[in-house]
Structures are given as C-alpha cells and as structure tokens.
Amino acid sequence: DLDEPDATMMTDIRVRCGEFVPQMEHCQRCRADAAGMLG
C-alpha cells in the first residue's frame, strides 16, 4: 500500500545524493532472466 515515489521525489533525491557519489539514472529494473539490450 505504499505509494510509488514520483519523478519529482526521485529527481530531488538523486541531486542530493549526487553530491557524494556519481548517480546512475538509466537502470531498467531488469528481470533475473533478462537477455539482450536494456529496456
């Protein structure tokens, strides 16, 4: 029942975290049997 974080929340968090370590933003939340190109 938790809400999925919206784009604004994710952008804000990534900006704040980016001050400490490079951020990766192209993750596709892949399956455990994914094959081929991302996405």
Full PDB file with SEQRES, HELIX, SHEET, SSBOND, CRYST1, ORIGX, SCALE, CONECT and MASTER records, all heavy atoms in Angstrom:
SEQRES   1 A   39  ASP LEU ASP GLU PRO ASP ALA THR MET MET THR ASP ILE          
SEQRES   2 A   39  ARG VAL ARG CYS GLY GLU PHE VAL PRO GLN MET GLU HIS          
SEQRES   3 A   39  CYS GLN ARG CYS ARG ALA ASP ALA ALA GLY MET LEU GLY          
HELIX    1 AA1 ALA A    7  CYS A   17  1                                  11    
CRYST1    1.000    1.000    1.000  90.00  90.00  90.00 P 1           1          
ORIGX1      1.000000  0.000000  0.000000        0.00000                         
ORIGX2      0.000000  1.000000  0.000000        0.00000                         
ORIGX3      0.000000  0.000000  1.000000        0.00000                         
SCALE1      1.000000  0.000000  0.000000        0.00000                         
SCALE2      0.000000  1.000000  0.000000        0.00000                         
SCALE3      0.000000  0.000000  1.000000        0.00000                         
ATOM      1  N   ASP A   1       0.806  -1.226   0.000  1.00  0.00           N  
ATOM      2  CA  ASP A   1       0.000   0.000   0.000  1.00  0.00           C  
ATOM      3  C   ASP A   1       0.836   1.272   0.000  1.00  0.00           C  
ATOM      4  O   ASP A   1       0.284   2.381   0.020  1.00  0.00           O  
ATOM      5  CB  ASP A   1      -0.931   0.006   1.220  1.00  0.00           C  
ATOM      6  CG  ASP A   1      -1.971  -1.107   1.154  1.00  0.00           C  
ATOM      7  OD1 ASP A   1      -2.365  -1.476   0.030  1.00  0.00           O  
ATOM      8  OD2 ASP A   1      -2.373  -1.610   2.224  1.00  0.00           O  
ATOM      9  N   LEU A   2       2.150   1.146  -0.006  1.00  0.00           N  
ATOM     10  CA  LEU A   2       2.985   2.344  -0.114  1.00  0.00           C  
ATOM     11  C   LEU A   2       2.849   2.954  -1.510  1.00  0.00           C  
ATOM     12  O   LEU A   2       2.642   2.239  -2.496  1.00  0.00           O  
ATOM     13  CB  LEU A   2       4.458   2.005   0.146  1.00  0.00           C  
ATOM     14  CG  LEU A   2       4.875   1.663   1.577  1.00  0.00           C  
ATOM     15  CD1 LEU A   2       6.388   1.472   1.632  1.00  0.00           C  
ATOM     16  CD2 LEU A   2       4.446   2.746   2.557  1.00  0.00           C  
ATOM     17  N   ASP A   3       2.994   4.264  -1.589  1.00  0.00           N  
ATOM     18  CA  ASP A   3       2.962   4.941  -2.887  1.00  0.00           C  
ATOM     19  C   ASP A   3       4.303   4.788  -3.587  1.00  0.00           C  
ATOM     20  O   ASP A   3       5.367   4.801  -2.941  1.00  0.00           O  
ATOM     21  CB  ASP A   3       2.660   6.429  -2.707  1.00  0.00           C  
ATOM     22  CG  ASP A   3       1.251   6.678  -2.190  1.00  0.00           C  
ATOM     23  OD1 ASP A   3       0.353   5.885  -2.530  1.00  0.00           O  
ATOM     24  OD2 ASP A   3       1.055   7.655  -1.443  1.00  0.00           O  
ATOM     25  N   GLU A   4       4.265   4.662  -4.888  1.00  0.00           N  
ATOM     26  CA  GLU A   4       5.500   4.697  -5.665  1.00  0.00           C  
ATOM     27  C   GLU A   4       6.002   6.131  -5.709  1.00  0.00           C  
ATOM     28  O   GLU A   4       5.229   7.054  -5.973  1.00  0.00           O  
ATOM     29  CB  GLU A   4       5.255   4.180  -7.080  1.00  0.00           C  
ATOM     30  CG  GLU A   4       6.523   4.099  -7.918  1.00  0.00           C  
ATOM     31  CD  GLU A   4       6.293   3.400  -9.252  1.00  0.00           C  
ATOM     32  OE1 GLU A   4       5.170   2.900  -9.478  1.00  0.00           O  
ATOM     33  OE2 GLU A   4       7.249   3.346 -10.050  1.00  0.00           O  
ATOM     34  N   PRO A   5       7.269   6.371  -5.427  1.00  0.00           N  
ATOM     35  CA  PRO A   5       7.776   7.747  -5.447  1.00  0.00           C  
ATOM     36  C   PRO A   5       7.639   8.367  -6.822  1.00  0.00           C  
ATOM     37  O   PRO A   5       7.890   7.706  -7.836  1.00  0.00           O  
ATOM     38  CB  PRO A   5       9.246   7.597  -5.038  1.00  0.00           C  
ATOM     39  CG  PRO A   5       9.584   6.162  -5.264  1.00  0.00           C  
ATOM     40  CD  PRO A   5       8.318   5.392  -5.075  1.00  0.00           C  
ATOM     41  N   ASP A   6       7.228   9.627  -6.866  1.00  0.00           N  
ATOM     42  CA  ASP A   6       7.033  10.275  -8.160  1.00  0.00           C  
ATOM     43  C   ASP A   6       8.352  10.813  -8.699  1.00  0.00           C  
ATOM     44  O   ASP A   6       9.398  10.777  -8.028  1.00  0.00           O  
ATOM     45  CB  ASP A   6       5.980  11.384  -8.069  1.00  0.00           C  
ATOM     46  CG  ASP A   6       6.346  12.483  -7.068  1.00  0.00           C  
ATOM     47  OD1 ASP A   6       7.555  12.681  -6.799  1.00  0.00           O  
ATOM     48  OD2 ASP A   6       5.427  13.144  -6.563  1.00  0.00           O  
ATOM     49  N   ALA A   7       8.312  11.325  -9.914  1.00  0.00           N  
ATOM     50  CA  ALA A   7       9.531  11.782 -10.598  1.00  0.00           C  
ATOM     51  C   ALA A   7      10.200  12.927  -9.850  1.00  0.00           C  
ATOM     52  O   ALA A   7      11.430  13.022  -9.800  1.00  0.00           O  
ATOM     53  CB  ALA A   7       9.196  12.195 -12.024  1.00  0.00           C  
ATOM     54  N   THR A   8       9.389  13.813  -9.250  1.00  0.00           N  
ATOM     55  CA  THR A   8       9.958  14.952  -8.525  1.00  0.00           C  
ATOM     56  C   THR A   8      10.769  14.476  -7.327  1.00  0.00           C  
ATOM     57  O   THR A   8      11.882  14.955  -7.082  1.00  0.00           O  
ATOM     58  CB  THR A   8       8.833  15.897  -8.061  1.00  0.00           C  
ATOM     59  OG1 THR A   8       8.124  16.375  -9.202  1.00  0.00           O  
ATOM     60  CG2 THR A   8       9.413  17.078  -7.296  1.00  0.00           C  
ATOM     61  N   MET A   9      10.208  13.525  -6.564  1.00  0.00           N  
ATOM     62  CA  MET A   9      10.932  12.988  -5.411  1.00  0.00           C  
ATOM     63  C   MET A   9      12.227  12.317  -5.856  1.00  0.00           C  
ATOM     64  O   MET A   9      13.288  12.534  -5.239  1.00  0.00           O  
ATOM     65  CB  MET A   9      10.064  11.989  -4.645  1.00  0.00           C  
ATOM     66  CG  MET A   9      10.803  11.294  -3.503  1.00  0.00           C  
ATOM     67  SD  MET A   9       9.828  10.034  -2.637  1.00  0.00           S  
ATOM     68  CE  MET A   9       8.756  11.090  -1.663  1.00  0.00           C  
ATOM     69  N   MET A  10      12.171  11.513  -6.926  1.00  0.00           N  
ATOM     70  CA  MET A  10      13.360  10.805  -7.376  1.00  0.00           C  
ATOM     71  C   MET A  10      14.437  11.770  -7.862  1.00  0.00           C  
ATOM     72  O   MET A  10      15.624  11.595  -7.575  1.00  0.00           O  
ATOM     73  CB  MET A  10      12.994   9.807  -8.470  1.00  0.00           C  
ATOM     74  CG  MET A  10      12.111   8.658  -8.003  1.00  0.00           C  
ATOM     75  SD  MET A  10      12.829   7.688  -6.650  1.00  0.00           S  
ATOM     76  CE  MET A  10      14.344   7.104  -7.408  1.00  0.00           C  
ATOM     77  N   THR A  11      14.026  12.810  -8.582  1.00  0.00           N  
ATOM     78  CA  THR A  11      14.999  13.796  -9.067  1.00  0.00           C  
ATOM     79  C   THR A  11      15.673  14.496  -7.907  1.00  0.00           C  
ATOM     80  O   THR A  11      16.902  14.683  -7.884  1.00  0.00           O  
ATOM     81  CB  THR A  11      14.316  14.819  -9.987  1.00  0.00           C  
ATOM     82  OG1 THR A  11      13.785  14.152 -11.128  1.00  0.00           O  
ATOM     83  CG2 THR A  11      15.311  15.884 -10.447  1.00  0.00           C  
ATOM     84  N   ASP A  12      14.879  14.906  -6.920  1.00  0.00           N  
ATOM     85  CA  ASP A  12      15.436  15.603  -5.758  1.00  0.00           C  
ATOM     86  C   ASP A  12      16.429  14.722  -5.011  1.00  0.00           C  
ATOM     87  O   ASP A  12      17.520  15.175  -4.629  1.00  0.00           O  
ATOM     88  CB  ASP A  12      14.295  16.028  -4.832  1.00  0.00           C  
ATOM     89  CG  ASP A  12      14.807  16.701  -3.562  1.00  0.00           C  
ATOM     90  OD1 ASP A  12      15.423  17.779  -3.677  1.00  0.00           O  
ATOM     91  OD2 ASP A  12      14.605  16.140  -2.461  1.00  0.00           O  
ATOM     92  N   ILE A  13      16.062  13.459  -4.809  1.00  0.00           N  
ATOM     93  CA  ILE A  13      16.945  12.544  -4.081  1.00  0.00           C  
ATOM     94  C   ILE A  13      18.243  12.324  -4.857  1.00  0.00           C  
ATOM     95  O   ILE A  13      19.342  12.329  -4.282  1.00  0.00           O  
ATOM     96  CB  ILE A  13      16.223  11.208  -3.818  1.00  0.00           C  
ATOM     97  CG1 ILE A  13      15.146  11.394  -2.754  1.00  0.00           C  
ATOM     98  CG2 ILE A  13      17.213  10.123  -3.401  1.00  0.00           C  
ATOM     99  CD1 ILE A  13      14.273  10.177  -2.512  1.00  0.00           C  
ATOM    100  N   ARG A  14      18.149  12.144  -6.153  1.00  0.00           N  
ATOM    101  CA  ARG A  14      19.360  11.914  -6.954  1.00  0.00           C  
ATOM    102  C   ARG A  14      20.278  13.128  -6.949  1.00  0.00           C  
ATOM    103  O   ARG A  14      21.515  12.981  -6.914  1.00  0.00           O  
ATOM    104  CB  ARG A  14      18.972  11.539  -8.382  1.00  0.00           C  
ATOM    105  CG  ARG A  14      18.427  10.112  -8.500  1.00  0.00           C  
ATOM    106  CD  ARG A  14      17.899   9.819  -9.868  1.00  0.00           C  
ATOM    107  NE  ARG A  14      17.430   8.433  -9.971  1.00  0.00           N  
ATOM    108  CZ  ARG A  14      16.354   8.059 -10.633  1.00  0.00           C  
ATOM    109  NH1 ARG A  14      15.618   8.962 -11.287  1.00  0.00           N  
ATOM    110  NH2 ARG A  14      16.001   6.789 -10.669  1.00  0.00           N  
ATOM    111  N   VAL A  15      19.708  14.310  -6.983  1.00  0.00           N  
ATOM    112  CA  VAL A  15      20.533  15.531  -6.926  1.00  0.00           C  
ATOM    113  C   VAL A  15      21.276  15.591  -5.599  1.00  0.00           C  
ATOM    114  O   VAL A  15      22.488  15.876  -5.556  1.00  0.00           O  
ATOM    115  CB  VAL A  15      19.660  16.780  -7.133  1.00  0.00           C  
ATOM    116  CG1 VAL A  15      20.456  18.043  -6.797  1.00  0.00           C  
ATOM    117  CG2 VAL A  15      19.159  16.853  -8.567  1.00  0.00           C  
ATOM    118  N   ARG A  16      20.574  15.330  -4.526  1.00  0.00           N  
ATOM    119  CA  ARG A  16      21.206  15.377  -3.199  1.00  0.00           C  
ATOM    120  C   ARG A  16      22.268  14.289  -3.055  1.00  0.00           C  
ATOM    121  O   ARG A  16      23.352  14.519  -2.511  1.00  0.00           O  
ATOM    122  CB  ARG A  16      20.146  15.243  -2.118  1.00  0.00           C  
ATOM    123  CG  ARG A  16      19.191  16.437  -2.051  1.00  0.00           C  
ATOM    124  CD  ARG A  16      17.952  16.120  -1.234  1.00  0.00           C  
ATOM    125  NE  ARG A  16      18.277  15.797   0.146  1.00  0.00           N  
ATOM    126  CZ  ARG A  16      17.437  15.235   1.009  1.00  0.00           C  
ATOM    127  NH1 ARG A  16      16.226  14.881   0.580  1.00  0.00           N  
ATOM    128  NH2 ARG A  16      17.809  14.991   2.243  1.00  0.00           N  
ATOM    129  N   CYS A  17      21.973  13.109  -3.561  1.00  0.00           N  
ATOM    130  CA  CYS A  17      22.941  12.005  -3.454  1.00  0.00           C  
ATOM    131  C   CYS A  17      24.140  12.217  -4.368  1.00  0.00           C  
ATOM    132  O   CYS A  17      25.251  11.750  -4.074  1.00  0.00           O  
ATOM    133  CB  CYS A  17      22.261  10.682  -3.796  1.00  0.00           C  
ATOM    134  SG  CYS A  17      21.030  10.137  -2.589  1.00  0.00           S  
ATOM    135  N   GLY A  18      23.921  12.917  -5.471  1.00  0.00           N  
ATOM    136  CA  GLY A  18      24.994  13.169  -6.423  1.00  0.00           C  
ATOM    137  C   GLY A  18      26.125  14.003  -5.862  1.00  0.00           C  
ATOM    138  O   GLY A  18      27.209  14.066  -6.450  1.00  0.00           O  
ATOM    139  N   GLU A  19      25.896  14.650  -4.740  1.00  0.00           N  
ATOM    140  CA  GLU A  19      26.966  15.420  -4.094  1.00  0.00           C  
ATOM    141  C   GLU A  19      28.029  14.501  -3.508  1.00  0.00           C  
ATOM    142  O   GLU A  19      29.148  14.941  -3.246  1.00  0.00           O  
ATOM    143  CB  GLU A  19      26.380  16.293  -2.984  1.00  0.00           C  
ATOM    144  CG  GLU A  19      25.370  17.332  -3.464  1.00  0.00           C  
ATOM    145  CD  GLU A  19      24.761  18.100  -2.301  1.00  0.00           C  
ATOM    146  OE1 GLU A  19      25.277  17.950  -1.174  1.00  0.00           O  
ATOM    147  OE2 GLU A  19      23.784  18.834  -2.525  1.00  0.00           O  
ATOM    148  N   PHE A  20      27.677  13.231  -3.309  1.00  0.00           N  
ATOM    149  CA  PHE A  20      28.586  12.318  -2.614  1.00  0.00           C  
ATOM    150  C   PHE A  20      29.129  11.206  -3.500  1.00  0.00           C  
ATOM    151  O   PHE A  20      30.253  10.735  -3.288  1.00  0.00           O  
ATOM    152  CB  PHE A  20      27.859  11.692  -1.417  1.00  0.00           C  
ATOM    153  CG  PHE A  20      27.213  12.683  -0.517  1.00  0.00           C  
ATOM    154  CD1 PHE A  20      25.833  12.787  -0.464  1.00  0.00           C  
ATOM    155  CD2 PHE A  20      27.978  13.534   0.263  1.00  0.00           C  
ATOM    156  CE1 PHE A  20      25.216  13.706   0.366  1.00  0.00           C  
ATOM    157  CE2 PHE A  20      27.378  14.464   1.099  1.00  0.00           C  
ATOM    158  CZ  PHE A  20      25.985  14.560   1.146  1.00  0.00           C  
ATOM    159  N   VAL A  21      28.349  10.752  -4.483  1.00  0.00           N  
ATOM    160  CA  VAL A  21      28.779   9.634  -5.328  1.00  0.00           C  
ATOM    161  C   VAL A  21      28.056   9.747  -6.668  1.00  0.00           C  
ATOM    162  O   VAL A  21      26.900  10.192  -6.721  1.00  0.00           O  
ATOM    163  CB  VAL A  21      28.470   8.281  -4.632  1.00  0.00           C  
ATOM    164  CG1 VAL A  21      26.985   8.102  -4.403  1.00  0.00           C  
ATOM    165  CG2 VAL A  21      29.039   7.111  -5.399  1.00  0.00           C  
ATOM    166  N   PRO A  22      28.721   9.433  -7.786  1.00  0.00           N  
ATOM    167  CA  PRO A  22      28.067   9.523  -9.102  1.00  0.00           C  
ATOM    168  C   PRO A  22      26.773   8.711  -9.146  1.00  0.00           C  
ATOM    169  O   PRO A  22      26.716   7.573  -8.667  1.00  0.00           O  
ATOM    170  CB  PRO A  22      29.123   8.949 -10.059  1.00  0.00           C  
ATOM    171  CG  PRO A  22      30.424   9.182  -9.363  1.00  0.00           C  
ATOM    172  CD  PRO A  22      30.141   9.014  -7.906  1.00  0.00           C  
ATOM    173  N   GLN A  23      25.749   9.306  -9.741  1.00  0.00           N  
ATOM    174  CA  GLN A  23      24.439   8.668  -9.808  1.00  0.00           C  
ATOM    175  C   GLN A  23      24.234   7.969 -11.149  1.00  0.00           C  
ATOM    176  O   GLN A  23      24.647   8.466 -12.191  1.00  0.00           O  
ATOM    177  CB  GLN A  23      23.340   9.708  -9.604  1.00  0.00           C  
ATOM    178  CG  GLN A  23      23.341  10.327  -8.224  1.00  0.00           C  
ATOM    179  CD  GLN A  23      23.001   9.312  -7.150  1.00  0.00           C  
ATOM    180  OE1 GLN A  23      21.890   8.785  -7.093  1.00  0.00           O  
ATOM    181  NE2 GLN A  23      23.964   9.037  -6.277  1.00  0.00           N  
ATOM    182  N   MET A  24      23.574   6.821 -11.087  1.00  0.00           N  
ATOM    183  CA  MET A  24      23.198   6.098 -12.295  1.00  0.00           C  
ATOM    184  C   MET A  24      21.693   6.268 -12.496  1.00  0.00           C  
ATOM    185  O   MET A  24      20.904   6.016 -11.588  1.00  0.00           O  
ATOM    186  CB  MET A  24      23.543   4.617 -12.148  1.00  0.00           C  
ATOM    187  CG  MET A  24      23.237   3.794 -13.369  1.00  0.00           C  
ATOM    188  SD  MET A  24      23.853   2.113 -13.164  1.00  0.00           S  
ATOM    189  CE  MET A  24      25.615   2.405 -13.176  1.00  0.00           C  
ATOM    190  N   GLU A  25      21.302   6.706 -13.677  1.00  0.00           N  
ATOM    191  CA  GLU A  25      19.893   7.050 -13.893  1.00  0.00           C  
ATOM    192  C   GLU A  25      19.241   6.267 -15.026  1.00  0.00           C  
ATOM    193  O   GLU A  25      18.083   6.537 -15.354  1.00  0.00           O  
ATOM    194  CB  GLU A  25      19.768   8.557 -14.163  1.00  0.00           C  
ATOM    195  CG  GLU A  25      20.286   9.424 -13.024  1.00  0.00           C  
ATOM    196  CD  GLU A  25      20.046  10.900 -13.238  1.00  0.00           C  
ATOM    197  OE1 GLU A  25      19.127  11.231 -14.022  1.00  0.00           O  
ATOM    198  OE2 GLU A  25      20.766  11.729 -12.649  1.00  0.00           O  
ATOM    199  N   HIS A  26      19.937   5.308 -15.622  1.00  0.00           N  
ATOM    200  CA  HIS A  26      19.348   4.595 -16.753  1.00  0.00           C  
ATOM    201  C   HIS A  26      18.968   3.145 -16.402  1.00  0.00           C  
ATOM    202  O   HIS A  26      18.728   2.334 -17.285  1.00  0.00           O  
ATOM    203  CB  HIS A  26      20.292   4.608 -17.955  1.00  0.00           C  
ATOM    204  CG  HIS A  26      21.542   3.789 -17.783  1.00  0.00           C  
ATOM    205  ND1 HIS A  26      22.584   4.175 -16.984  1.00  0.00           N  
ATOM    206  CD2 HIS A  26      21.914   2.592 -18.314  1.00  0.00           C  
ATOM    207  CE1 HIS A  26      23.549   3.279 -17.032  1.00  0.00           C  
ATOM    208  NE2 HIS A  26      23.159   2.292 -17.825  1.00  0.00           N  
ATOM    209  N   CYS A  27      18.873   2.827 -15.104  1.00  0.00           N  
ATOM    210  CA  CYS A  27      18.523   1.477 -14.680  1.00  0.00           C  
ATOM    211  C   CYS A  27      17.123   1.095 -15.176  1.00  0.00           C  
ATOM    212  O   CYS A  27      16.199   1.914 -15.147  1.00  0.00           O  
ATOM    213  CB  CYS A  27      18.567   1.379 -13.159  1.00  0.00           C  
ATOM    214  SG  CYS A  27      18.020  -0.207 -12.500  1.00  0.00           S  
ATOM    215  N   GLN A  28      16.973  -0.149 -15.628  1.00  0.00           N  
ATOM    216  CA  GLN A  28      15.701  -0.631 -16.168  1.00  0.00           C  
ATOM    217  C   GLN A  28      15.023  -1.665 -15.260  1.00  0.00           C  
ATOM    218  O   GLN A  28      14.072  -2.304 -15.658  1.00  0.00           O  
ATOM    219  CB  GLN A  28      15.928  -1.254 -17.555  1.00  0.00           C  
ATOM    220  CG  GLN A  28      16.484  -0.281 -18.576  1.00  0.00           C  
ATOM    221  CD  GLN A  28      15.522   0.852 -18.865  1.00  0.00           C  
ATOM    222  OE1 GLN A  28      14.355   0.628 -19.159  1.00  0.00           O  
ATOM    223  NE2 GLN A  28      16.004   2.091 -18.766  1.00  0.00           N  
ATOM    224  N   ARG A  29      15.516  -1.836 -14.036  1.00  0.00           N  
ATOM    225  CA  ARG A  29      14.935  -2.798 -13.091  1.00  0.00           C  
ATOM    226  C   ARG A  29      14.738  -4.167 -13.759  1.00  0.00           C  
ATOM    227  O   ARG A  29      13.645  -4.701 -13.865  1.00  0.00           O  
ATOM    228  CB  ARG A  29      13.603  -2.285 -12.529  1.00  0.00           C  
ATOM    229  CG  ARG A  29      13.746  -0.991 -11.768  1.00  0.00           C  
ATOM    230  CD  ARG A  29      12.526  -0.668 -10.926  1.00  0.00           C  
ATOM    231  NE  ARG A  29      11.356  -0.322 -11.703  1.00  0.00           N  
ATOM    232  CZ  ARG A  29      10.322   0.370 -11.218  1.00  0.00           C  
ATOM    233  NH1 ARG A  29      10.343   0.787  -9.958  1.00  0.00           N  
ATOM    234  NH2 ARG A  29       9.272   0.639 -11.959  1.00  0.00           N  
ATOM    235  N   CYS A  30      15.843  -4.738 -14.210  1.00  0.00           N  
ATOM    236  CA  CYS A  30      15.794  -5.927 -15.064  1.00  0.00           C  
ATOM    237  C   CYS A  30      15.374  -7.181 -14.293  1.00  0.00           C  
ATOM    238  O   CYS A  30      15.657  -7.338 -13.104  1.00  0.00           O  
ATOM    239  CB  CYS A  30      17.160  -6.182 -15.685  1.00  0.00           C  
ATOM    240  SG  CYS A  30      17.724  -4.854 -16.753  1.00  0.00           S  
ATOM    241  N   ARG A  31      14.744  -8.087 -15.037  1.00  0.00           N  
ATOM    242  CA  ARG A  31      14.385  -9.407 -14.522  1.00  0.00           C  
ATOM    243  C   ARG A  31      15.637 -10.254 -14.285  1.00  0.00           C  
ATOM    244  O   ARG A  31      16.707  -9.955 -14.819  1.00  0.00           O  
ATOM    245  CB  ARG A  31      13.500 -10.137 -15.537  1.00  0.00           C  
ATOM    246  CG  ARG A  31      12.152  -9.511 -15.787  1.00  0.00           C  
ATOM    247  CD  ARG A  31      11.536 -10.089 -17.048  1.00  0.00           C  
ATOM    248  NE  ARG A  31      11.490 -11.542 -17.031  1.00  0.00           N  
ATOM    249  CZ  ARG A  31      10.459 -12.264 -16.612  1.00  0.00           C  
ATOM    250  NH1 ARG A  31       9.368 -11.655 -16.179  1.00  0.00           N  
ATOM    251  NH2 ARG A  31      10.489 -13.574 -16.628  1.00  0.00           N  
ATOM    252  N   ALA A  32      15.459 -11.316 -13.511  1.00  0.00           N  
ATOM    253  CA  ALA A  32      16.580 -12.217 -13.239  1.00  0.00           C  
ATOM    254  C   ALA A  32      16.921 -13.097 -14.431  1.00  0.00           C  
ATOM    255  O   ALA A  32      17.938 -13.801 -14.406  1.00  0.00           O  
ATOM    256  CB  ALA A  32      16.270 -13.094 -12.027  1.00  0.00           C  
ATOM    257  N   ASP A  33      16.095 -13.070 -15.495  1.00  0.00           N  
ATOM    258  CA  ASP A  33      16.399 -13.843 -16.704  1.00  0.00           C  
ATOM    259  C   ASP A  33      16.463 -12.949 -17.943  1.00  0.00           C  
ATOM    260  O   ASP A  33      16.267 -13.415 -19.069  1.00  0.00           O  
ATOM    261  CB  ASP A  33      15.379 -14.969 -16.907  1.00  0.00           C  
ATOM    262  CG  ASP A  33      13.942 -14.449 -17.044  1.00  0.00           C  
ATOM    263  OD1 ASP A  33      13.741 -13.212 -17.028  1.00  0.00           O  
ATOM    264  OD2 ASP A  33      13.020 -15.271 -17.174  1.00  0.00           O  
ATOM    265  N   ALA A  34      16.740 -11.662 -17.736  1.00  0.00           N  
ATOM    266  CA  ALA A  34      16.774 -10.716 -18.856  1.00  0.00           C  
ATOM    267  C   ALA A  34      17.944 -11.023 -19.790  1.00  0.00           C  
ATOM    268  O   ALA A  34      19.013 -11.456 -19.364  1.00  0.00           O  
ATOM    269  CB  ALA A  34      16.903  -9.287 -18.333  1.00  0.00           C  
ATOM    270  N   ALA A  35      17.729 -10.788 -21.086  1.00  0.00           N  
ATOM    271  CA  ALA A  35      18.786 -11.012 -22.085  1.00  0.00           C  
ATOM    272  C   ALA A  35      18.615 -10.021 -23.218  1.00  0.00           C  
ATOM    273  O   ALA A  35      17.491  -9.695 -23.621  1.00  0.00           O  
ATOM    274  CB  ALA A  35      18.735 -12.435 -22.624  1.00  0.00           C  
ATOM    275  N   GLY A  36      19.735  -9.535 -23.750  1.00  0.00           N  
ATOM    276  CA  GLY A  36      19.701  -8.601 -24.866  1.00  0.00           C  
ATOM    277  C   GLY A  36      19.938  -7.176 -24.416  1.00  0.00           C  
ATOM    278  O   GLY A  36      20.632  -6.913 -23.432  1.00  0.00           O  
ATOM    279  N   MET A  37      19.348  -6.237 -25.130  1.00  0.00           N  
ATOM    280  CA  MET A  37      19.514  -4.816 -24.834  1.00  0.00           C  
ATOM    281  C   MET A  37      18.699  -4.418 -23.609  1.00  0.00           C  
ATOM    282  O   MET A  37      17.618  -4.965 -23.352  1.00  0.00           O  
ATOM    283  CB  MET A  37      19.049  -3.980 -26.024  1.00  0.00           C  
ATOM    284  CG  MET A  37      19.884  -4.168 -27.281  1.00  0.00           C  
ATOM    285  SD  MET A  37      21.360  -3.136 -27.330  1.00  0.00           S  
ATOM    286  CE  MET A  37      20.646  -1.553 -27.790  1.00  0.00           C  
ATOM    287  N   LEU A  38      19.190  -3.437 -22.851  1.00  0.00           N  
ATOM    288  CA  LEU A  38      18.429  -2.915 -21.727  1.00  0.00           C  
ATOM    289  C   LEU A  38      17.129  -2.303 -22.210  1.00  0.00           C  
ATOM    290  O   LEU A  38      17.079  -1.662 -23.262  1.00  0.00           O  
ATOM    291  CB  LEU A  38      19.232  -1.835 -20.998  1.00  0.00           C  
ATOM    292  CG  LEU A  38      20.044  -2.286 -19.778  1.00  0.00           C  
ATOM    293  CD1 LEU A  38      21.154  -3.225 -20.185  1.00  0.00           C  
ATOM    294  CD2 LEU A  38      20.588  -1.080 -19.037  1.00  0.00           C  
ATOM    295  N   GLY A  39      16.070  -2.531 -21.453  1.00  0.00           N  
ATOM    296  CA  GLY A  39      14.795  -1.920 -21.774  1.00  0.00           C  
ATOM    297  C   GLY A  39      13.959  -2.681 -22.769  1.00  0.00           C  
ATOM    298  O   GLY A  39      12.829  -2.292 -23.049  1.00  0.00           O  
TER     299      GLY A  39                                                      
MASTER        0    0    0    1    0    0    0    6  298    1    0    3          
END                                                                             
